[in-house]
């Protein structure tokens, strides 16, 4: 990890009613880190990210981004890019209208963002639909527009949640290379996905969160030294999930016999 910390979390806790979702997260993130942020559903991944984005209040503990507390200040948001898990996007707009709108929200001039957005769409192979309504796009095309929108303003930190969803194989290769290049140029990336093979390959640091606590923090090689196998197997070992084979067998038995269990 780069010694220059740009994100610091100390004893972060969050409750929803009586349900304590985060139970004391401590974390230092350096410039240029590609963080693979993984965990079971309900582990606290989305809650952590939403707090960092300034979308959730009511937490305790301290969160600093770029050396300043995120409480009562929003200027840091201009330096953040976000791709949400669900591709919520203004379908009634064209890609051109949507991307120029997003760029202008970040203070870019219309002509500047228009030129940049069209060039980025060309690289991702969708320049021909730049002026088309997003409602006519496939899931993969919408995902590419979201990825572009998160990068238009040249952010310093990216939060990407399942960013490869719906992309074709060639586009996946390109986007993975984009992430590596961004990291080499000093951008910090939080990458959340359930596709363990991708997390394993692109991340230089992996955080495993379960039940509101970080159970593991290190490179894949470091995690493998402690627990044998692939990242998926390490994940199962650390979270205590070892029922996948029996569940799969029961599932197929019901399909074949029609009997309930």
C-alpha atoms as a PDB file:
ATOM      1  CA  UNK A   1       0.000   0.000   0.000  1.00  0.00           C
ATOM      2  CA  UNK A   2       1.160   3.508  -0.777  1.00  0.00           C
ATOM      3  CA  UNK A   3       2.239   5.237   2.409  1.00  0.00           C
ATOM      4  CA  UNK A   4       0.226   8.340   1.542  1.00  0.00           C
ATOM      5  CA  UNK A   5      -3.222   7.692   3.011  1.00  0.00           C
ATOM      6  CA  UNK A   6      -6.094   9.405   1.259  1.00  0.00           C
ATOM      7  CA  UNK A   7      -8.896   7.580   3.071  1.00  0.00           C
ATOM      8  CA  UNK A   8      -8.978   6.838   6.778  1.00  0.00           C
ATOM      9  CA  UNK A   9     -11.722   5.055   8.726  1.00  0.00           C
ATOM     10  CA  UNK A  10     -11.604   4.716  12.500  1.00  0.00           C
ATOM     11  CA  UNK A  11     -14.047   2.607  14.553  1.00  0.00           C
ATOM     12  CA  UNK A  12     -16.878   3.095  12.048  1.00  0.00           C
ATOM     13  CA  UNK A  13     -20.204   1.805  13.353  1.00  0.00           C
ATOM     14  CA  UNK A  14     -23.701   2.016  11.916  1.00  0.00           C
ATOM     15  CA  UNK A  15     -27.079   0.895  13.217  1.00  0.00           C
ATOM     16  CA  UNK A  16     -30.457   0.626  11.547  1.00  0.00           C
ATOM     17  CA  UNK A  17     -32.819   0.401  14.491  1.00  0.00           C
ATOM     18  CA  UNK A  18     -31.516  -2.429  16.653  1.00  0.00           C
ATOM     19  CA  UNK A  19     -29.539  -3.949  13.797  1.00  0.00           C
ATOM     20  CA  UNK A  20     -25.832  -3.088  14.026  1.00  0.00           C
ATOM     21  CA  UNK A  21     -24.647  -3.360  10.428  1.00  0.00           C
ATOM     22  CA  UNK A  22     -21.105  -2.040  10.950  1.00  0.00           C
ATOM     23  CA  UNK A  23     -19.426  -3.005  14.216  1.00  0.00           C
ATOM     24  CA  UNK A  24     -16.127  -1.141  14.130  1.00  0.00           C
ATOM     25  CA  UNK A  25     -14.416  -0.771  10.757  1.00  0.00           C
ATOM     26  CA  UNK A  26     -10.804   0.446  10.821  1.00  0.00           C
ATOM     27  CA  UNK A  27      -9.065   1.120   7.540  1.00  0.00           C
ATOM     28  CA  UNK A  28      -6.293   3.134   5.901  1.00  0.00           C
ATOM     29  CA  UNK A  29      -6.256   3.341   2.108  1.00  0.00           C
ATOM     30  CA  UNK A  30      -3.332   4.652   0.099  1.00  0.00           C
ATOM     31  CA  UNK A  31      -3.093   6.465  -3.207  1.00  0.00           C
ATOM     32  CA  UNK A  32      -3.154   4.045  -6.142  1.00  0.00           C
ATOM     33  CA  UNK A  33      -4.639   1.107  -4.244  1.00  0.00           C
ATOM     34  CA  UNK A  34      -7.105  -1.133  -6.068  1.00  0.00           C
ATOM     35  CA  UNK A  35      -9.252  -2.425  -3.232  1.00  0.00           C
ATOM     36  CA  UNK A  36     -11.314  -5.545  -3.826  1.00  0.00           C
ATOM     37  CA  UNK A  37     -14.129  -5.100  -1.313  1.00  0.00           C
ATOM     38  CA  UNK A  38     -15.927  -8.419  -0.871  1.00  0.00           C
ATOM     39  CA  UNK A  39     -18.293 -10.088   1.554  1.00  0.00           C
ATOM     40  CA  UNK A  40     -21.589 -11.970   1.822  1.00  0.00           C
ATOM     41  CA  UNK A  41     -24.898 -10.196   1.269  1.00  0.00           C
ATOM     42  CA  UNK A  42     -25.715  -8.121   4.337  1.00  0.00           C
ATOM     43  CA  UNK A  43     -22.083  -7.988   5.466  1.00  0.00           C
ATOM     44  CA  UNK A  44     -21.953  -4.180   5.393  1.00  0.00           C
ATOM     45  CA  UNK A  45     -20.298  -3.481   2.016  1.00  0.00           C
ATOM     46  CA  UNK A  46     -23.004  -1.215   0.616  1.00  0.00           C
ATOM     47  CA  UNK A  47     -23.449   0.566   3.940  1.00  0.00           C
ATOM     48  CA  UNK A  48     -19.724   1.360   4.077  1.00  0.00           C
ATOM     49  CA  UNK A  49     -19.689   2.679   0.516  1.00  0.00           C
ATOM     50  CA  UNK A  50     -22.812   4.806   1.020  1.00  0.00           C
ATOM     51  CA  UNK A  51     -21.257   6.385   4.109  1.00  0.00           C
ATOM     52  CA  UNK A  52     -18.076   7.188   2.176  1.00  0.00           C
ATOM     53  CA  UNK A  53     -20.160   8.712  -0.615  1.00  0.00           C
ATOM     54  CA  UNK A  54     -22.007  10.898   1.898  1.00  0.00           C
ATOM     55  CA  UNK A  55     -25.333   9.177   1.225  1.00  0.00           C
ATOM     56  CA  UNK A  56     -25.834   7.890   4.783  1.00  0.00           C
ATOM     57  CA  UNK A  57     -25.759   9.773   8.061  1.00  0.00           C
ATOM     58  CA  UNK A  58     -26.090   8.617  11.655  1.00  0.00           C
ATOM     59  CA  UNK A  59     -22.845   6.656  11.869  1.00  0.00           C
ATOM     60  CA  UNK A  60     -20.346   6.859  14.706  1.00  0.00           C
ATOM     61  CA  UNK A  61     -16.585   6.867  14.403  1.00  0.00           C
ATOM     62  CA  UNK A  62     -14.434   8.956  12.119  1.00  0.00           C
ATOM     63  CA  UNK A  63     -14.167   8.991   8.334  1.00  0.00           C
ATOM     64  CA  UNK A  64     -11.578  11.155   6.596  1.00  0.00           C
ATOM     65  CA  UNK A  65     -11.122  11.516   2.848  1.00  0.00           C
ATOM     66  CA  UNK A  66      -8.217  13.556   1.496  1.00  0.00           C
ATOM     67  CA  UNK A  67      -7.277  14.272   5.105  1.00  0.00           C
ATOM     68  CA  UNK A  68     -10.566  15.900   6.137  1.00  0.00           C
ATOM     69  CA  UNK A  69     -13.613  14.565   7.945  1.00  0.00           C
ATOM     70  CA  UNK A  70     -16.569  13.973   5.622  1.00  0.00           C
ATOM     71  CA  UNK A  71     -18.921  15.372   8.279  1.00  0.00           C
ATOM     72  CA  UNK A  72     -20.285  18.799   7.352  1.00  0.00           C
ATOM     73  CA  UNK A  73     -18.301  19.105   4.114  1.00  0.00           C
ATOM     74  CA  UNK A  74     -19.127  18.058   0.555  1.00  0.00           C
ATOM     75  CA  UNK A  75     -16.209  19.393  -1.486  1.00  0.00           C
ATOM     76  CA  UNK A  76     -14.550  15.952  -1.523  1.00  0.00           C
ATOM     77  CA  UNK A  77     -17.436  14.593  -3.619  1.00  0.00           C
ATOM     78  CA  UNK A  78     -16.111  16.454  -6.658  1.00  0.00           C
ATOM     79  CA  UNK A  79     -13.129  14.096  -6.571  1.00  0.00           C
ATOM     80  CA  UNK A  80     -15.138  10.856  -6.412  1.00  0.00           C
ATOM     81  CA  UNK A  81     -16.565   8.677  -9.192  1.00  0.00           C
ATOM     82  CA  UNK A  82     -19.314   6.121  -8.577  1.00  0.00           C
ATOM     83  CA  UNK A  83     -20.800   3.196 -10.508  1.00  0.00           C
ATOM     84  CA  UNK A  84     -23.759   1.734  -8.566  1.00  0.00           C
ATOM     85  CA  UNK A  85     -24.698  -1.938  -8.634  1.00  0.00           C
ATOM     86  CA  UNK A  86     -28.056  -1.262 -10.298  1.00  0.00           C
ATOM     87  CA  UNK A  87     -27.804   0.655 -13.560  1.00  0.00           C
ATOM     88  CA  UNK A  88     -30.227   3.440 -12.613  1.00  0.00           C
ATOM     89  CA  UNK A  89     -29.951   5.958 -15.403  1.00  0.00           C
ATOM     90  CA  UNK A  90     -32.191   8.520 -17.103  1.00  0.00           C
ATOM     91  CA  UNK A  91     -33.550   6.338 -19.908  1.00  0.00           C
ATOM     92  CA  UNK A  92     -35.462   9.164 -21.559  1.00  0.00           C
ATOM     93  CA  UNK A  93     -32.225  11.055 -22.279  1.00  0.00           C
ATOM     94  CA  UNK A  94     -29.735  10.356 -25.022  1.00  0.00           C
ATOM     95  CA  UNK A  95     -26.240   9.299 -24.001  1.00  0.00           C
ATOM     96  CA  UNK A  96     -25.018  12.724 -25.115  1.00  0.00           C
ATOM     97  CA  UNK A  97     -27.600  14.532 -22.968  1.00  0.00           C
ATOM     98  CA  UNK A  98     -26.929  12.342 -19.951  1.00  0.00           C
ATOM     99  CA  UNK A  99     -23.144  12.541 -20.067  1.00  0.00           C
ATOM    100  CA  UNK A 100     -22.989  16.281 -20.720  1.00  0.00           C
ATOM    101  CA  UNK A 101     -25.456  16.782 -17.852  1.00  0.00           C
ATOM    102  CA  UNK A 102     -23.255  14.743 -15.486  1.00  0.00           C
ATOM    103  CA  UNK A 103     -20.114  16.529 -16.653  1.00  0.00           C
ATOM    104  CA  UNK A 104     -21.644  19.951 -16.132  1.00  0.00           C
ATOM    105  CA  UNK A 105     -22.693  18.932 -12.594  1.00  0.00           C
ATOM    106  CA  UNK A 106     -18.979  18.491 -11.913  1.00  0.00           C
ATOM    107  CA  UNK A 107     -18.167  21.914 -13.343  1.00  0.00           C
ATOM    108  CA  UNK A 108     -17.018  20.955 -16.834  1.00  0.00           C
ATOM    109  CA  UNK A 109     -17.890  23.154 -19.815  1.00  0.00           C
ATOM    110  CA  UNK A 110     -20.497  21.721 -22.181  1.00  0.00           C
ATOM    111  CA  UNK A 111     -18.229  21.623 -25.238  1.00  0.00           C
ATOM    112  CA  UNK A 112     -15.392  20.119 -23.211  1.00  0.00           C
ATOM    113  CA  UNK A 113     -17.465  17.299 -21.720  1.00  0.00           C
ATOM    114  CA  UNK A 114     -19.258  16.666 -25.020  1.00  0.00           C
ATOM    115  CA  UNK A 115     -15.948  16.104 -26.801  1.00  0.00           C
ATOM    116  CA  UNK A 116     -14.562  13.949 -23.974  1.00  0.00           C
ATOM    117  CA  UNK A 117     -17.714  11.825 -23.651  1.00  0.00           C
ATOM    118  CA  UNK A 118     -17.937  11.128 -27.379  1.00  0.00           C
ATOM    119  CA  UNK A 119     -14.260  10.129 -27.491  1.00  0.00           C
ATOM    120  CA  UNK A 120     -14.673   7.762 -24.524  1.00  0.00           C
ATOM    121  CA  UNK A 121     -17.742   6.159 -26.090  1.00  0.00           C
ATOM    122  CA  UNK A 122     -15.733   5.604 -29.274  1.00  0.00           C
ATOM    123  CA  UNK A 123     -13.039   3.749 -27.340  1.00  0.00           C
ATOM    124  CA  UNK A 124     -15.699   1.512 -25.762  1.00  0.00           C
ATOM    125  CA  UNK A 125     -17.281   0.836 -29.155  1.00  0.00           C
ATOM    126  CA  UNK A 126     -20.594   2.684 -28.743  1.00  0.00           C
ATOM    127  CA  UNK A 127     -19.923   6.006 -30.471  1.00  0.00           C
ATOM    128  CA  UNK A 128     -22.665   5.279 -33.027  1.00  0.00           C
ATOM    129  CA  UNK A 129     -25.381   5.508 -30.330  1.00  0.00           C
ATOM    130  CA  UNK A 130     -24.085   8.691 -28.722  1.00  0.00           C
ATOM    131  CA  UNK A 131     -27.202  10.628 -29.743  1.00  0.00           C
ATOM    132  CA  UNK A 132     -29.632   7.724 -29.206  1.00  0.00           C
ATOM    133  CA  UNK A 133     -32.026   7.367 -26.276  1.00  0.00           C
ATOM    134  CA  UNK A 134     -30.607   5.289 -23.454  1.00  0.00           C
ATOM    135  CA  UNK A 135     -33.930   3.402 -23.270  1.00  0.00           C
ATOM    136  CA  UNK A 136     -32.892   1.621 -26.477  1.00  0.00           C
ATOM    137  CA  UNK A 137     -29.559   0.438 -25.014  1.00  0.00           C
ATOM    138  CA  UNK A 138     -28.677  -3.068 -23.891  1.00  0.00           C
ATOM    139  CA  UNK A 139     -27.567  -3.609 -20.273  1.00  0.00           C
ATOM    140  CA  UNK A 140     -23.935  -3.688 -21.368  1.00  0.00           C
ATOM    141  CA  UNK A 141     -24.254  -0.404 -23.265  1.00  0.00           C
ATOM    142  CA  UNK A 142     -25.877   1.252 -20.245  1.00  0.00           C
ATOM    143  CA  UNK A 143     -23.047  -0.056 -18.086  1.00  0.00           C
ATOM    144  CA  UNK A 144     -20.482   1.520 -20.384  1.00  0.00           C
ATOM    145  CA  UNK A 145     -22.293   4.870 -20.134  1.00  0.00           C
ATOM    146  CA  UNK A 146     -22.247   4.610 -16.316  1.00  0.00           C
ATOM    147  CA  UNK A 147     -18.528   3.806 -16.335  1.00  0.00           C
ATOM    148  CA  UNK A 148     -17.842   6.814 -18.565  1.00  0.00           C
ATOM    149  CA  UNK A 149     -20.001   9.072 -16.378  1.00  0.00           C
ATOM    150  CA  UNK A 150     -17.975   8.077 -13.297  1.00  0.00           C
ATOM    151  CA  UNK A 151     -14.712   9.128 -14.984  1.00  0.00           C
ATOM    152  CA  UNK A 152     -15.594  12.283 -16.926  1.00  0.00           C
ATOM    153  CA  UNK A 153     -14.367  14.639 -14.210  1.00  0.00           C
ATOM    154  CA  UNK A 154     -11.071  12.774 -13.685  1.00  0.00           C
ATOM    155  CA  UNK A 155     -11.788  11.715 -10.066  1.00  0.00           C
ATOM    156  CA  UNK A 156      -9.139  10.675  -7.559  1.00  0.00           C
ATOM    157  CA  UNK A 157     -11.206   7.888  -5.977  1.00  0.00           C
ATOM    158  CA  UNK A 158     -13.525   5.461  -7.758  1.00  0.00           C
ATOM    159  CA  UNK A 159     -16.237   3.390  -6.112  1.00  0.00           C
ATOM    160  CA  UNK A 160     -17.340   0.706  -8.563  1.00  0.00           C
ATOM    161  CA  UNK A 161     -20.012  -1.833  -7.589  1.00  0.00           C
ATOM    162  CA  UNK A 162     -20.255  -4.796 -10.024  1.00  0.00           C
ATOM    163  CA  UNK A 163     -18.942  -2.586 -12.881  1.00  0.00           C
ATOM    164  CA  UNK A 164     -18.480  -5.450 -15.354  1.00  0.00           C
ATOM    165  CA  UNK A 165     -22.119  -6.535 -15.210  1.00  0.00           C
ATOM    166  CA  UNK A 166     -23.480  -7.046 -18.724  1.00  0.00           C
ATOM    167  CA  UNK A 167     -20.205  -6.315 -20.528  1.00  0.00           C
ATOM    168  CA  UNK A 168     -18.963  -8.534 -23.345  1.00  0.00           C
ATOM    169  CA  UNK A 169     -15.639 -10.362 -22.996  1.00  0.00           C
ATOM    170  CA  UNK A 170     -13.609  -7.838 -25.016  1.00  0.00           C
ATOM    171  CA  UNK A 171     -15.015  -4.897 -23.038  1.00  0.00           C
ATOM    172  CA  UNK A 172     -14.192  -6.652 -19.762  1.00  0.00           C
ATOM    173  CA  UNK A 173     -10.561  -6.916 -20.853  1.00  0.00           C
ATOM    174  CA  UNK A 174     -10.479  -3.214 -21.796  1.00  0.00           C
ATOM    175  CA  UNK A 175     -12.102  -2.053 -18.546  1.00  0.00           C
ATOM    176  CA  UNK A 176      -9.745  -4.193 -16.434  1.00  0.00           C
ATOM    177  CA  UNK A 177      -6.813  -2.585 -18.264  1.00  0.00           C
ATOM    178  CA  UNK A 178      -8.324   0.871 -17.676  1.00  0.00           C
ATOM    179  CA  UNK A 179      -8.427   0.120 -13.940  1.00  0.00           C
ATOM    180  CA  UNK A 180      -4.781  -0.946 -13.928  1.00  0.00           C
ATOM    181  CA  UNK A 181      -3.767   2.206 -15.814  1.00  0.00           C
ATOM    182  CA  UNK A 182      -5.754   4.437 -13.473  1.00  0.00           C
ATOM    183  CA  UNK A 183      -4.050   2.822 -10.490  1.00  0.00           C
ATOM    184  CA  UNK A 184      -0.594   3.350 -12.002  1.00  0.00           C
ATOM    185  CA  UNK A 185      -1.482   7.021 -12.428  1.00  0.00           C
ATOM    186  CA  UNK A 186      -2.379   7.398  -8.765  1.00  0.00           C
ATOM    187  CA  UNK A 187      -6.132   6.823  -8.745  1.00  0.00           C
ATOM    188  CA  UNK A 188      -7.584   4.847  -5.835  1.00  0.00           C
ATOM    189  CA  UNK A 189     -10.275   2.304  -6.629  1.00  0.00           C
ATOM    190  CA  UNK A 190     -12.821   0.527  -4.444  1.00  0.00           C
ATOM    191  CA  UNK A 191     -14.053  -2.431  -6.454  1.00  0.00           C
ATOM    192  CA  UNK A 192     -16.952  -4.503  -5.155  1.00  0.00           C
ATOM    193  CA  UNK A 193     -18.007  -7.690  -6.929  1.00  0.00           C
ATOM    194  CA  UNK A 194     -19.275 -11.199  -6.326  1.00  0.00           C
ATOM    195  CA  UNK A 195     -17.117 -12.476  -9.196  1.00  0.00           C
ATOM    196  CA  UNK A 196     -14.139 -13.648  -7.189  1.00  0.00           C
ATOM    197  CA  UNK A 197     -11.922 -14.440 -10.188  1.00  0.00           C
ATOM    198  CA  UNK A 198     -12.080 -10.801 -11.302  1.00  0.00           C
ATOM    199  CA  UNK A 199     -11.423  -9.426  -7.802  1.00  0.00           C
ATOM    200  CA  UNK A 200      -8.485 -11.799  -7.469  1.00  0.00           C
ATOM    201  CA  UNK A 201      -6.905 -10.665 -10.745  1.00  0.00           C
ATOM    202  CA  UNK A 202      -7.362  -6.885 -10.625  1.00  0.00           C
ATOM    203  CA  UNK A 203      -6.952  -6.055  -6.914  1.00  0.00           C
ATOM    204  CA  UNK A 204      -3.618  -5.353  -5.252  1.00  0.00           C
ATOM    205  CA  UNK A 205      -5.402  -5.435  -1.901  1.00  0.00           C
ATOM    206  CA  UNK A 206      -8.473  -7.402  -0.839  1.00  0.00           C
ATOM    207  CA  UNK A 207     -10.765  -6.555   2.066  1.00  0.00           C
ATOM    208  CA  UNK A 208     -13.157  -9.247   3.248  1.00  0.00           C
ATOM    209  CA  UNK A 209     -16.002  -7.959   5.394  1.00  0.00           C
ATOM    210  CA  UNK A 210     -18.447 -10.224   7.204  1.00  0.00           C
ATOM    211  CA  UNK A 211     -21.045  -9.415   9.853  1.00  0.00           C
ATOM    212  CA  UNK A 212     -19.945  -5.792  10.040  1.00  0.00           C
ATOM    213  CA  UNK A 213     -16.246  -6.473  10.617  1.00  0.00           C
ATOM    214  CA  UNK A 214     -13.193  -6.790   8.359  1.00  0.00           C
ATOM    215  CA  UNK A 215     -11.994 -10.394   8.594  1.00  0.00           C
ATOM    216  CA  UNK A 216      -9.089 -10.172   6.154  1.00  0.00           C
ATOM    217  CA  UNK A 217      -6.972  -7.418   4.612  1.00  0.00           C
ATOM    218  CA  UNK A 218      -4.076  -8.025   2.231  1.00  0.00           C
ATOM    219  CA  UNK A 219      -3.023  -9.004  -1.254  1.00  0.00           C
ATOM    220  CA  UNK A 220      -4.331 -12.265  -2.694  1.00  0.00           C
ATOM    221  CA  UNK A 221      -0.902 -13.818  -2.137  1.00  0.00           C
ATOM    222  CA  UNK A 222      -0.965 -12.775   1.527  1.00  0.00           C
ATOM    223  CA  UNK A 223      -4.465 -14.185   2.018  1.00  0.00           C
ATOM    224  CA  UNK A 224      -3.501 -17.408   0.268  1.00  0.00           C
ATOM    225  CA  UNK A 225      -0.557 -17.833   2.664  1.00  0.00           C
ATOM    226  CA  UNK A 226      -3.076 -17.981   5.515  1.00  0.00           C
ATOM    227  CA  UNK A 227      -5.805 -19.994   3.773  1.00  0.00           C
ATOM    228  CA  UNK A 228      -5.189 -22.363   0.883  1.00  0.00           C
ATOM    229  CA  UNK A 229      -7.002 -22.242  -2.456  1.00  0.00           C
ATOM    230  CA  UNK A 230      -8.659 -19.732  -4.753  1.00  0.00           C
ATOM    231  CA  UNK A 231     -10.161 -16.480  -3.495  1.00  0.00           C
ATOM    232  CA  UNK A 232     -13.583 -18.130  -3.589  1.00  0.00           C
ATOM    233  CA  UNK A 233     -12.315 -20.954  -1.353  1.00  0.00           C
ATOM    234  CA  UNK A 234     -10.613 -18.463   0.984  1.00  0.00           C
ATOM    235  CA  UNK A 235     -13.859 -16.486   1.113  1.00  0.00           C
ATOM    236  CA  UNK A 236     -15.822 -19.597   2.094  1.00  0.00           C
ATOM    237  CA  UNK A 237     -13.261 -20.580   4.743  1.00  0.00           C
ATOM    238  CA  UNK A 238     -13.176 -17.161   6.392  1.00  0.00           C
ATOM    239  CA  UNK A 239     -16.945 -16.632   6.356  1.00  0.00           C
ATOM    240  CA  UNK A 240     -17.654 -20.171   7.512  1.00  0.00           C
ATOM    241  CA  UNK A 241     -19.713 -21.058   4.454  1.00  0.00           C
ATOM    242  CA  UNK A 242     -19.197 -24.712   3.586  1.00  0.00           C
ATOM    243  CA  UNK A 243     -22.647 -25.800   2.461  1.00  0.00           C
ATOM    244  CA  UNK A 244     -22.371 -24.994  -1.257  1.00  0.00           C
ATOM    245  CA  UNK A 245     -21.979 -28.602  -2.375  1.00  0.00           C
ATOM    246  CA  UNK A 246     -24.868 -29.958  -0.302  1.00  0.00           C
ATOM    247  CA  UNK A 247     -27.135 -27.061  -1.312  1.00  0.00           C
ATOM    248  CA  UNK A 248     -26.333 -27.611  -4.997  1.00  0.00           C
ATOM    249  CA  UNK A 249     -27.015 -31.346  -4.639  1.00  0.00           C
ATOM    250  CA  UNK A 250     -30.372 -30.710  -2.930  1.00  0.00           C
ATOM    251  CA  UNK A 251     -31.305 -28.197  -5.614  1.00  0.00           C
ATOM    252  CA  UNK A 252     -30.619 -30.638  -8.466  1.00  0.00           C
ATOM    253  CA  UNK A 253     -32.374 -33.486  -6.595  1.00  0.00           C
ATOM    254  CA  UNK A 254     -35.573 -31.406  -6.450  1.00  0.00           C
ATOM    255  CA  UNK A 255     -35.293 -30.639 -10.177  1.00  0.00           C
ATOM    256  CA  UNK A 256     -34.913 -34.310 -11.028  1.00  0.00           C
ATOM    257  CA  UNK A 257     -37.396 -35.873  -8.610  1.00  0.00           C
ATOM    258  CA  UNK A 258     -39.848 -33.098  -7.799  1.00  0.00           C
ATOM    259  CA  UNK A 259     -39.608 -34.035  -4.125  1.00  0.00           C
ATOM    260  CA  UNK A 260     -39.371 -31.328  -1.499  1.00  0.00           C
ATOM    261  CA  UNK A 261     -36.755 -31.382   1.251  1.00  0.00           C
END
